[in-house]
Amino acid sequence: MHGGWWVRARAAGTALLVLPCNSCVRLGDYSLCQNWRVVLKHVRLFVESKILDLAAVDSCKPGVVLWGEEGGLRWCDRNPRWDRLYGGDPVRLELLAEAVARDLRWLAPRYKVIAFYVNVKAYRLALQRASEETGVDLLDLGPPKPSPLSYNKHARELPVVLQRLMEGAGFKSVARAVSERHRSTAVPMARPASEPAPGLNSSL
């Protein structure tokens, strides 16, 4: 088994959606920040139906952190902005890509589909390089532009895209049932870990 608190064994969903980390890692819950809240608003029913798991690329680990396992990173809030951390340090970027590749090798056998919705340049590059290195297919769901506006706007398209992915993975009836129940309203949702926490803002 892959060692470490960040990927403890659990029953996996059909698909994994990877998002950017955020500053709410310091509160022990990514979903408290805006960039996760806007996605959860649209994919909540897929998660509640246990056919979709969420994870983050996180510079603090570094690597991929499953939602509910970020509590061990409360000590860290490392901003992944290109101009502050990765743009002038290709070695750091390469180390991130290698860490993501390591985690992908462990995660890939557990999921029919792995996709990412990421607007952070360094994270997109790390995911793409890790996919090439490992041969694990990663589906790029956007957004088309790195701005928060584009990220928030195109998050509403995720339910339709995920339904198609689920159907392609052979879970047509489940995906359609979830899609039919979908409502674009933000409803509070229990996180998969045992620790509850309060919440707020995000950063690129």
C-alpha atoms as a PDB file:
ATOM      1  CA  MET A   1       0.000   0.000   0.000  1.00  0.00           C
ATOM      2  CA  HIS A   2       1.114   3.548  -0.699  1.00  0.00           C
ATOM      3  CA  GLY A   3       2.296   4.923   2.624  1.00  0.00           C
ATOM      4  CA  GLY A   4       1.179   8.092   4.336  1.00  0.00           C
ATOM      5  CA  TRP A   5      -1.856   9.746   5.898  1.00  0.00           C
ATOM      6  CA  TRP A   6      -2.696  11.569   2.652  1.00  0.00           C
ATOM      7  CA  VAL A   7      -3.914   8.512   0.731  1.00  0.00           C
ATOM      8  CA  ARG A   8      -5.365   6.180   3.356  1.00  0.00           C
ATOM      9  CA  ALA A   9      -7.295   3.271   1.839  1.00  0.00           C
ATOM     10  CA  ARG A  10     -10.988   3.974   1.350  1.00  0.00           C
ATOM     11  CA  ALA A  11     -13.773   2.853  -0.958  1.00  0.00           C
ATOM     12  CA  ALA A  12     -13.203   4.757  -4.196  1.00  0.00           C
ATOM     13  CA  GLY A  13     -15.849   6.268  -6.438  1.00  0.00           C
ATOM     14  CA  THR A  14     -16.066   5.687 -10.172  1.00  0.00           C
ATOM     15  CA  ALA A  15     -14.261   8.918 -11.059  1.00  0.00           C
ATOM     16  CA  LEU A  16     -11.770  11.280  -9.496  1.00  0.00           C
ATOM     17  CA  LEU A  17     -11.874  15.029 -10.148  1.00  0.00           C
ATOM     18  CA  VAL A  18      -8.676  16.903  -9.278  1.00  0.00           C
ATOM     19  CA  LEU A  19      -8.950  20.588  -8.365  1.00  0.00           C
ATOM     20  CA  PRO A  20      -6.422  23.229  -7.268  1.00  0.00           C
ATOM     21  CA  CYS A  21      -5.588  23.439  -3.575  1.00  0.00           C
ATOM     22  CA  ASN A  22      -6.417  26.601  -1.656  1.00  0.00           C
ATOM     23  CA  SER A  23      -5.622  28.517   1.526  1.00  0.00           C
ATOM     24  CA  CYS A  24      -8.357  26.689   3.464  1.00  0.00           C
ATOM     25  CA  VAL A  25      -5.886  23.844   3.831  1.00  0.00           C
ATOM     26  CA  ARG A  26      -4.944  25.741   6.997  1.00  0.00           C
ATOM     27  CA  LEU A  27      -8.483  25.113   8.265  1.00  0.00           C
ATOM     28  CA  GLY A  28      -8.235  21.440   7.333  1.00  0.00           C
ATOM     29  CA  ASP A  29     -10.910  21.526   4.624  1.00  0.00           C
ATOM     30  CA  TYR A  30     -10.447  22.571   0.973  1.00  0.00           C
ATOM     31  CA  SER A  31     -14.212  22.871   0.498  1.00  0.00           C
ATOM     32  CA  LEU A  32     -14.405  25.948   2.685  1.00  0.00           C
ATOM     33  CA  CYS A  33     -12.726  28.114   0.035  1.00  0.00           C
ATOM     34  CA  GLN A  34     -14.469  29.619  -2.963  1.00  0.00           C
ATOM     35  CA  ASN A  35     -12.697  27.667  -5.707  1.00  0.00           C
ATOM     36  CA  TRP A  36     -13.961  24.389  -4.218  1.00  0.00           C
ATOM     37  CA  ARG A  37     -17.340  25.706  -3.140  1.00  0.00           C
ATOM     38  CA  VAL A  38     -18.223  26.787  -6.679  1.00  0.00           C
ATOM     39  CA  VAL A  39     -17.367  23.321  -8.025  1.00  0.00           C
ATOM     40  CA  LEU A  40     -19.222  21.508  -5.239  1.00  0.00           C
ATOM     41  CA  LYS A  41     -22.288  23.598  -5.992  1.00  0.00           C
ATOM     42  CA  HIS A  42     -22.486  21.821  -9.344  1.00  0.00           C
ATOM     43  CA  VAL A  43     -21.079  18.339  -8.625  1.00  0.00           C
ATOM     44  CA  ARG A  44     -22.482  17.835  -5.130  1.00  0.00           C
ATOM     45  CA  LEU A  45     -24.910  15.086  -6.138  1.00  0.00           C
ATOM     46  CA  PHE A  46     -22.199  13.113  -7.925  1.00  0.00           C
ATOM     47  CA  VAL A  47     -20.128  13.212  -4.740  1.00  0.00           C
ATOM     48  CA  GLU A  48     -23.064  12.374  -2.466  1.00  0.00           C
ATOM     49  CA  SER A  49     -23.953   9.454  -4.747  1.00  0.00           C
ATOM     50  CA  LYS A  50     -20.413   8.138  -4.199  1.00  0.00           C
ATOM     51  CA  ILE A  51     -19.534   7.958  -7.871  1.00  0.00           C
ATOM     52  CA  LEU A  52     -17.180  10.947  -7.748  1.00  0.00           C
ATOM     53  CA  ASP A  53     -14.279  11.646  -5.424  1.00  0.00           C
ATOM     54  CA  LEU A  54     -12.449  14.967  -5.201  1.00  0.00           C
ATOM     55  CA  ALA A  55      -8.757  15.675  -4.718  1.00  0.00           C
ATOM     56  CA  ALA A  56      -6.346  18.586  -4.956  1.00  0.00           C
ATOM     57  CA  VAL A  57      -2.911  19.192  -6.349  1.00  0.00           C
ATOM     58  CA  ASP A  58      -1.121  20.741  -3.398  1.00  0.00           C
ATOM     59  CA  SER A  59       2.327  22.304  -3.200  1.00  0.00           C
ATOM     60  CA  CYS A  60       2.477  21.651   0.522  1.00  0.00           C
ATOM     61  CA  LYS A  61       2.522  17.878   0.242  1.00  0.00           C
ATOM     62  CA  PRO A  62       3.582  18.063  -2.649  1.00  0.00           C
ATOM     63  CA  GLY A  63       1.386  15.903  -4.863  1.00  0.00           C
ATOM     64  CA  VAL A  64      -2.276  14.870  -4.993  1.00  0.00           C
ATOM     65  CA  VAL A  65      -4.314  14.999  -1.777  1.00  0.00           C
ATOM     66  CA  LEU A  66      -7.710  13.312  -1.513  1.00  0.00           C
ATOM     67  CA  TRP A  67     -10.477  15.442  -0.033  1.00  0.00           C
ATOM     68  CA  GLY A  68     -10.684  14.658   3.655  1.00  0.00           C
ATOM     69  CA  GLU A  69      -6.948  14.029   3.992  1.00  0.00           C
ATOM     70  CA  GLU A  70      -5.820  17.661   3.946  1.00  0.00           C
ATOM     71  CA  GLY A  71      -6.019  17.976   7.728  1.00  0.00           C
ATOM     72  CA  GLY A  72      -2.376  16.953   8.016  1.00  0.00           C
ATOM     73  CA  LEU A  73      -1.334  20.025   6.022  1.00  0.00           C
ATOM     74  CA  ARG A  74      -2.768  22.670   8.349  1.00  0.00           C
ATOM     75  CA  TRP A  75       0.753  23.964   8.977  1.00  0.00           C
ATOM     76  CA  CYS A  76       1.197  25.059   5.357  1.00  0.00           C
ATOM     77  CA  ASP A  77      -0.171  27.694   3.021  1.00  0.00           C
ATOM     78  CA  ARG A  78       2.195  27.761   0.058  1.00  0.00           C
ATOM     79  CA  ASN A  79       0.872  29.975  -2.735  1.00  0.00           C
ATOM     80  CA  PRO A  80       1.442  28.210  -6.103  1.00  0.00           C
ATOM     81  CA  ARG A  81       1.420  31.369  -8.217  1.00  0.00           C
ATOM     82  CA  TRP A  82       3.769  31.086 -11.178  1.00  0.00           C
ATOM     83  CA  ASP A  83       5.557  34.379 -10.496  1.00  0.00           C
ATOM     84  CA  ARG A  84       6.121  33.589  -6.823  1.00  0.00           C
ATOM     85  CA  LEU A  85       7.023  29.923  -6.645  1.00  0.00           C
ATOM     86  CA  TYR A  86       7.452  27.952  -9.859  1.00  0.00           C
ATOM     87  CA  GLY A  87       8.224  30.326 -12.745  1.00  0.00           C
ATOM     88  CA  GLY A  88      11.826  30.880 -11.782  1.00  0.00           C
ATOM     89  CA  ASP A  89      12.457  27.444 -10.314  1.00  0.00           C
ATOM     90  CA  PRO A  90      12.196  24.630 -12.902  1.00  0.00           C
ATOM     91  CA  VAL A  91      13.608  22.129 -10.405  1.00  0.00           C
ATOM     92  CA  ARG A  92      10.735  22.784  -8.008  1.00  0.00           C
ATOM     93  CA  LEU A  93       8.258  22.318 -10.850  1.00  0.00           C
ATOM     94  CA  GLU A  94       9.897  19.038 -11.840  1.00  0.00           C
ATOM     95  CA  LEU A  95       9.739  17.801  -8.258  1.00  0.00           C
ATOM     96  CA  LEU A  96       6.031  18.636  -8.175  1.00  0.00           C
ATOM     97  CA  ALA A  97       5.443  16.735 -11.433  1.00  0.00           C
ATOM     98  CA  GLU A  98       7.312  13.717 -10.051  1.00  0.00           C
ATOM     99  CA  ALA A  99       5.240  13.808  -6.862  1.00  0.00           C
ATOM    100  CA  VAL A 100       1.999  13.979  -8.860  1.00  0.00           C
ATOM    101  CA  ALA A 101       3.196  11.059 -11.007  1.00  0.00           C
ATOM    102  CA  ARG A 102       3.907   9.019  -7.874  1.00  0.00           C
ATOM    103  CA  ASP A 103       0.384   9.577  -6.592  1.00  0.00           C
ATOM    104  CA  LEU A 104      -1.208   8.927  -9.982  1.00  0.00           C
ATOM    105  CA  ARG A 105       0.386   5.491 -10.103  1.00  0.00           C
ATOM    106  CA  TRP A 106      -1.335   4.659  -6.843  1.00  0.00           C
ATOM    107  CA  LEU A 107      -4.668   6.273  -7.668  1.00  0.00           C
ATOM    108  CA  ALA A 108      -5.125   5.114 -11.273  1.00  0.00           C
ATOM    109  CA  PRO A 109      -6.118   1.482 -10.515  1.00  0.00           C
ATOM    110  CA  ARG A 110      -8.877   2.708  -8.203  1.00  0.00           C
ATOM    111  CA  TYR A 111     -10.784   4.864 -10.702  1.00  0.00           C
ATOM    112  CA  LYS A 112     -12.405   4.365 -14.084  1.00  0.00           C
ATOM    113  CA  VAL A 113     -11.903   8.045 -14.912  1.00  0.00           C
ATOM    114  CA  ILE A 114      -9.478  10.688 -13.616  1.00  0.00           C
ATOM    115  CA  ALA A 115     -10.055  14.262 -14.720  1.00  0.00           C
ATOM    116  CA  PHE A 116      -8.872  17.686 -13.620  1.00  0.00           C
ATOM    117  CA  TYR A 117     -10.408  21.142 -13.476  1.00  0.00           C
ATOM    118  CA  VAL A 118      -7.452  23.372 -12.712  1.00  0.00           C
ATOM    119  CA  ASN A 119      -6.632  27.015 -13.473  1.00  0.00           C
ATOM    120  CA  VAL A 120      -3.178  27.146 -11.848  1.00  0.00           C
ATOM    121  CA  LYS A 121      -0.395  27.068 -14.463  1.00  0.00           C
ATOM    122  CA  ALA A 122       2.134  25.075 -12.433  1.00  0.00           C
ATOM    123  CA  TYR A 123      -0.472  22.488 -11.478  1.00  0.00           C
ATOM    124  CA  ARG A 124      -1.659  22.047 -15.051  1.00  0.00           C
ATOM    125  CA  LEU A 125       1.927  21.533 -16.230  1.00  0.00           C
ATOM    126  CA  ALA A 126       2.616  19.069 -13.408  1.00  0.00           C
ATOM    127  CA  LEU A 127      -0.518  17.058 -14.217  1.00  0.00           C
ATOM    128  CA  GLN A 128       0.293  16.972 -17.921  1.00  0.00           C
ATOM    129  CA  ARG A 129       3.898  15.887 -17.316  1.00  0.00           C
ATOM    130  CA  ALA A 130       2.807  13.276 -14.790  1.00  0.00           C
ATOM    131  CA  SER A 131       0.283  11.875 -17.260  1.00  0.00           C
ATOM    132  CA  GLU A 132       2.970  11.566 -19.920  1.00  0.00           C
ATOM    133  CA  GLU A 133       5.407   9.948 -17.508  1.00  0.00           C
ATOM    134  CA  THR A 134       2.969   7.396 -16.098  1.00  0.00           C
ATOM    135  CA  GLY A 135       0.774   6.728 -19.117  1.00  0.00           C
ATOM    136  CA  VAL A 136      -2.288   7.479 -16.970  1.00  0.00           C
ATOM    137  CA  ASP A 137      -4.980   9.217 -19.016  1.00  0.00           C
ATOM    138  CA  LEU A 138      -6.044  12.489 -17.432  1.00  0.00           C
ATOM    139  CA  LEU A 139      -9.012  14.313 -18.896  1.00  0.00           C
ATOM    140  CA  ASP A 140      -8.617  18.081 -19.020  1.00  0.00           C
ATOM    141  CA  LEU A 141     -11.979  19.675 -18.180  1.00  0.00           C
ATOM    142  CA  GLY A 142     -10.709  23.250 -18.288  1.00  0.00           C
ATOM    143  CA  PRO A 143     -11.356  26.001 -17.589  1.00  0.00           C
ATOM    144  CA  PRO A 144     -10.486  27.635 -20.943  1.00  0.00           C
ATOM    145  CA  LYS A 145      -8.836  30.621 -19.199  1.00  0.00           C
ATOM    146  CA  PRO A 146      -6.937  30.804 -15.905  1.00  0.00           C
ATOM    147  CA  SER A 147      -8.956  33.675 -14.480  1.00  0.00           C
ATOM    148  CA  PRO A 148     -11.275  33.144 -11.488  1.00  0.00           C
ATOM    149  CA  LEU A 149     -14.138  34.446 -13.650  1.00  0.00           C
ATOM    150  CA  SER A 150     -13.599  31.726 -16.247  1.00  0.00           C
ATOM    151  CA  TYR A 151     -13.158  29.105 -13.525  1.00  0.00           C
ATOM    152  CA  ASN A 152     -16.417  30.045 -11.829  1.00  0.00           C
ATOM    153  CA  LYS A 153     -18.367  30.395 -15.061  1.00  0.00           C
ATOM    154  CA  HIS A 154     -17.393  27.090 -16.632  1.00  0.00           C
ATOM    155  CA  ALA A 155     -17.830  25.090 -13.424  1.00  0.00           C
ATOM    156  CA  ARG A 156     -21.545  24.994 -14.253  1.00  0.00           C
ATOM    157  CA  GLU A 157     -20.731  22.775 -17.249  1.00  0.00           C
ATOM    158  CA  LEU A 158     -19.165  20.074 -15.089  1.00  0.00           C
ATOM    159  CA  PRO A 159     -22.368  18.062 -14.408  1.00  0.00           C
ATOM    160  CA  VAL A 160     -22.992  17.499 -18.130  1.00  0.00           C
ATOM    161  CA  VAL A 161     -19.363  16.608 -18.778  1.00  0.00           C
ATOM    162  CA  LEU A 162     -19.261  14.245 -15.803  1.00  0.00           C
ATOM    163  CA  GLN A 163     -22.468  12.555 -16.904  1.00  0.00           C
ATOM    164  CA  ARG A 164     -20.905  11.810 -20.275  1.00  0.00           C
ATOM    165  CA  LEU A 165     -17.744  10.509 -18.620  1.00  0.00           C
ATOM    166  CA  MET A 166     -19.762   8.254 -16.327  1.00  0.00           C
ATOM    167  CA  GLU A 167     -21.754   6.898 -19.243  1.00  0.00           C
ATOM    168  CA  GLY A 168     -18.546   6.263 -21.152  1.00  0.00           C
ATOM    169  CA  ALA A 169     -17.203   4.351 -18.150  1.00  0.00           C
ATOM    170  CA  GLY A 170     -20.251   2.088 -18.200  1.00  0.00           C
ATOM    171  CA  PHE A 171     -22.297   3.718 -15.441  1.00  0.00           C
ATOM    172  CA  LYS A 172     -25.032   5.169 -17.633  1.00  0.00           C
ATOM    173  CA  SER A 173     -28.041   4.611 -15.360  1.00  0.00           C
ATOM    174  CA  VAL A 174     -26.312   5.971 -12.257  1.00  0.00           C
ATOM    175  CA  ALA A 175     -24.980   9.003 -14.086  1.00  0.00           C
ATOM    176  CA  ARG A 176     -28.351   9.847 -15.587  1.00  0.00           C
ATOM    177  CA  ALA A 177     -30.142   9.436 -12.273  1.00  0.00           C
ATOM    178  CA  VAL A 178     -27.707  11.817 -10.613  1.00  0.00           C
ATOM    179  CA  SER A 179     -27.882  14.270 -13.498  1.00  0.00           C
ATOM    180  CA  GLU A 180     -31.679  14.351 -13.355  1.00  0.00           C
ATOM    181  CA  ARG A 181     -31.514  15.230  -9.658  1.00  0.00           C
ATOM    182  CA  HIS A 182     -28.980  17.978 -10.215  1.00  0.00           C
ATOM    183  CA  ARG A 183     -29.912  21.480  -9.096  1.00  0.00           C
ATOM    184  CA  SER A 184     -27.526  24.423  -9.356  1.00  0.00           C
ATOM    185  CA  THR A 185     -27.931  25.544  -5.757  1.00  0.00           C
ATOM    186  CA  ALA A 186     -25.271  25.551  -3.092  1.00  0.00           C
ATOM    187  CA  VAL A 187     -26.358  23.165  -0.343  1.00  0.00           C
ATOM    188  CA  PRO A 188     -24.090  22.468   2.648  1.00  0.00           C
ATOM    189  CA  MET A 189     -22.526  19.057   2.390  1.00  0.00           C
ATOM    190  CA  ALA A 190     -20.664  16.839   4.807  1.00  0.00           C
ATOM    191  CA  ARG A 191     -17.007  16.344   4.011  1.00  0.00           C
ATOM    192  CA  PRO A 192     -15.690  12.779   3.811  1.00  0.00           C
ATOM    193  CA  ALA A 193     -13.304  13.093   6.747  1.00  0.00           C
ATOM    194  CA  SER A 194     -14.351  13.056  10.365  1.00  0.00           C
ATOM    195  CA  GLU A 195     -13.243  16.600  11.116  1.00  0.00           C
ATOM    196  CA  PRO A 196     -15.733  19.442  10.606  1.00  0.00           C
ATOM    197  CA  ALA A 197     -14.421  22.974  10.167  1.00  0.00           C
ATOM    198  CA  PRO A 198     -15.544  26.535   9.312  1.00  0.00           C
ATOM    199  CA  GLY A 199     -14.445  28.269   6.037  1.00  0.00           C
ATOM    200  CA  LEU A 200     -13.660  31.050   3.520  1.00  0.00           C
ATOM    201  CA  ASN A 201     -11.479  32.269   0.672  1.00  0.00           C
ATOM    202  CA  SER A 202      -9.204  30.860  -2.051  1.00  0.00           C
ATOM    203  CA  SER A 203      -6.076  31.916  -3.876  1.00  0.00           C
ATOM    204  CA  LEU A 204      -4.322  31.109  -7.135  1.00  0.00           C
END
